[in-house]
Protein backbone atom coordinates (compact mmCIF):
# COMPACT_ATOMS: atom_id res chain seq x y z
CA UNK A 1 7.53 -18.71 21.12
CA UNK A 2 7.43 -22.38 19.78
CA UNK A 3 9.98 -24.60 18.37
CA UNK A 4 7.94 -24.99 15.08
CA UNK A 5 8.00 -21.11 14.96
CA UNK A 6 11.63 -20.95 15.14
CA UNK A 7 12.27 -23.84 12.34
CA UNK A 8 9.44 -22.41 10.30
CA UNK A 9 10.73 -20.90 6.72
CA UNK A 10 8.82 -17.65 7.61
CA UNK A 11 7.58 -16.42 10.75
CA UNK A 12 4.03 -17.11 11.49
CA UNK A 13 1.68 -14.47 10.45
CA UNK A 14 3.94 -12.79 8.01
CA UNK A 15 2.21 -10.80 5.21
CA UNK A 16 3.53 -11.72 1.71
CA UNK A 17 2.08 -9.36 -1.35
CA UNK A 18 3.24 -8.77 -4.76
CA UNK A 19 5.07 -5.39 -5.86
CA UNK A 20 2.72 -3.36 -7.65
CA UNK A 21 5.82 -2.32 -9.75
CA UNK A 22 7.82 -5.26 -10.52
CA UNK A 23 5.41 -7.88 -9.60
CA UNK A 24 7.75 -10.19 -7.30
CA UNK A 25 6.43 -11.08 -4.12
CA UNK A 26 8.09 -9.81 -1.36
CA UNK A 27 7.70 -10.97 2.68
CA UNK A 28 8.42 -6.85 3.39
CA UNK A 29 5.68 -5.02 1.41
CA UNK A 30 5.30 -1.42 2.12
CA UNK A 31 1.83 0.02 1.56
CA UNK A 32 1.81 2.68 -1.30
CA UNK A 33 -1.73 3.14 -1.97
CA UNK A 34 -5.43 2.06 -0.69
CA UNK A 35 -8.17 1.90 -3.48
CA UNK A 36 -11.57 1.76 -2.09
CA UNK A 37 -13.50 -0.27 -1.01
CA UNK A 38 -10.92 -2.97 -0.33
CA UNK A 39 -7.51 -3.26 -2.37
CA UNK A 40 -4.35 -1.97 -1.19
CA UNK A 41 -1.47 -1.83 -3.35
CA UNK A 42 1.99 -3.07 -2.25
CA UNK A 43 5.83 -2.07 -3.02
CA UNK A 44 8.67 -4.14 -2.32
CA UNK A 45 11.41 -2.37 -0.21
CA UNK A 46 13.22 -1.83 -3.53
CA UNK A 47 10.72 -0.01 -5.37
CA UNK A 48 8.74 1.59 -2.63
CA UNK A 49 10.53 5.00 -3.09
CA UNK A 50 10.06 5.16 -6.58
CA UNK A 51 6.09 4.76 -6.57
CA UNK A 52 3.94 7.69 -5.91
CA UNK A 53 2.12 7.59 -2.85
CA UNK A 54 -1.47 7.42 -2.95
CA UNK A 55 -3.84 7.49 0.13
CA UNK A 56 -3.57 5.20 2.84
CA UNK A 57 -6.41 2.97 4.31
CA UNK A 58 -7.02 5.25 6.92
CA UNK A 59 -6.75 8.57 4.81
CA UNK A 60 -9.97 10.07 3.49
CA UNK A 61 -10.26 9.91 -0.42
CA UNK A 62 -11.77 12.93 -1.75
CA UNK A 63 -14.63 12.45 -4.51
CA UNK A 64 -13.14 15.45 -6.53
CA UNK A 65 -9.67 14.02 -6.77
CA UNK A 66 -6.44 14.43 -4.79
CA UNK A 67 -5.91 17.10 -2.22
CA UNK A 68 -9.31 18.62 -2.97
CA UNK A 69 -12.13 18.53 -0.26
CA UNK A 70 -14.54 21.19 -1.66
CA UNK A 71 -15.31 20.01 -4.99
CA UNK A 72 -13.98 23.57 -6.41
CA UNK A 73 -10.73 23.45 -8.94
CA UNK A 74 -8.38 26.09 -9.31
CA UNK A 75 -9.64 26.78 -13.03
CA UNK A 76 -13.29 27.24 -11.53
CA UNK A 77 -12.44 30.18 -9.28
């Protein structure tokens, strides 16, 4: 730890992201959804529980929609 990091306005390497609901920047973003290929939506801690979660960056995304891996929808059976 350096004296500069102790006196910094924010800790070094701190992630700041706008909330996808209110738009305010937050230094404590919560990942709520990953949109391929390289977009991640974040929410502030206040709104993190009100945003419906989507697939994260490390979760597979089905081309047939959420929760479906086989391409067959309930109405097609």
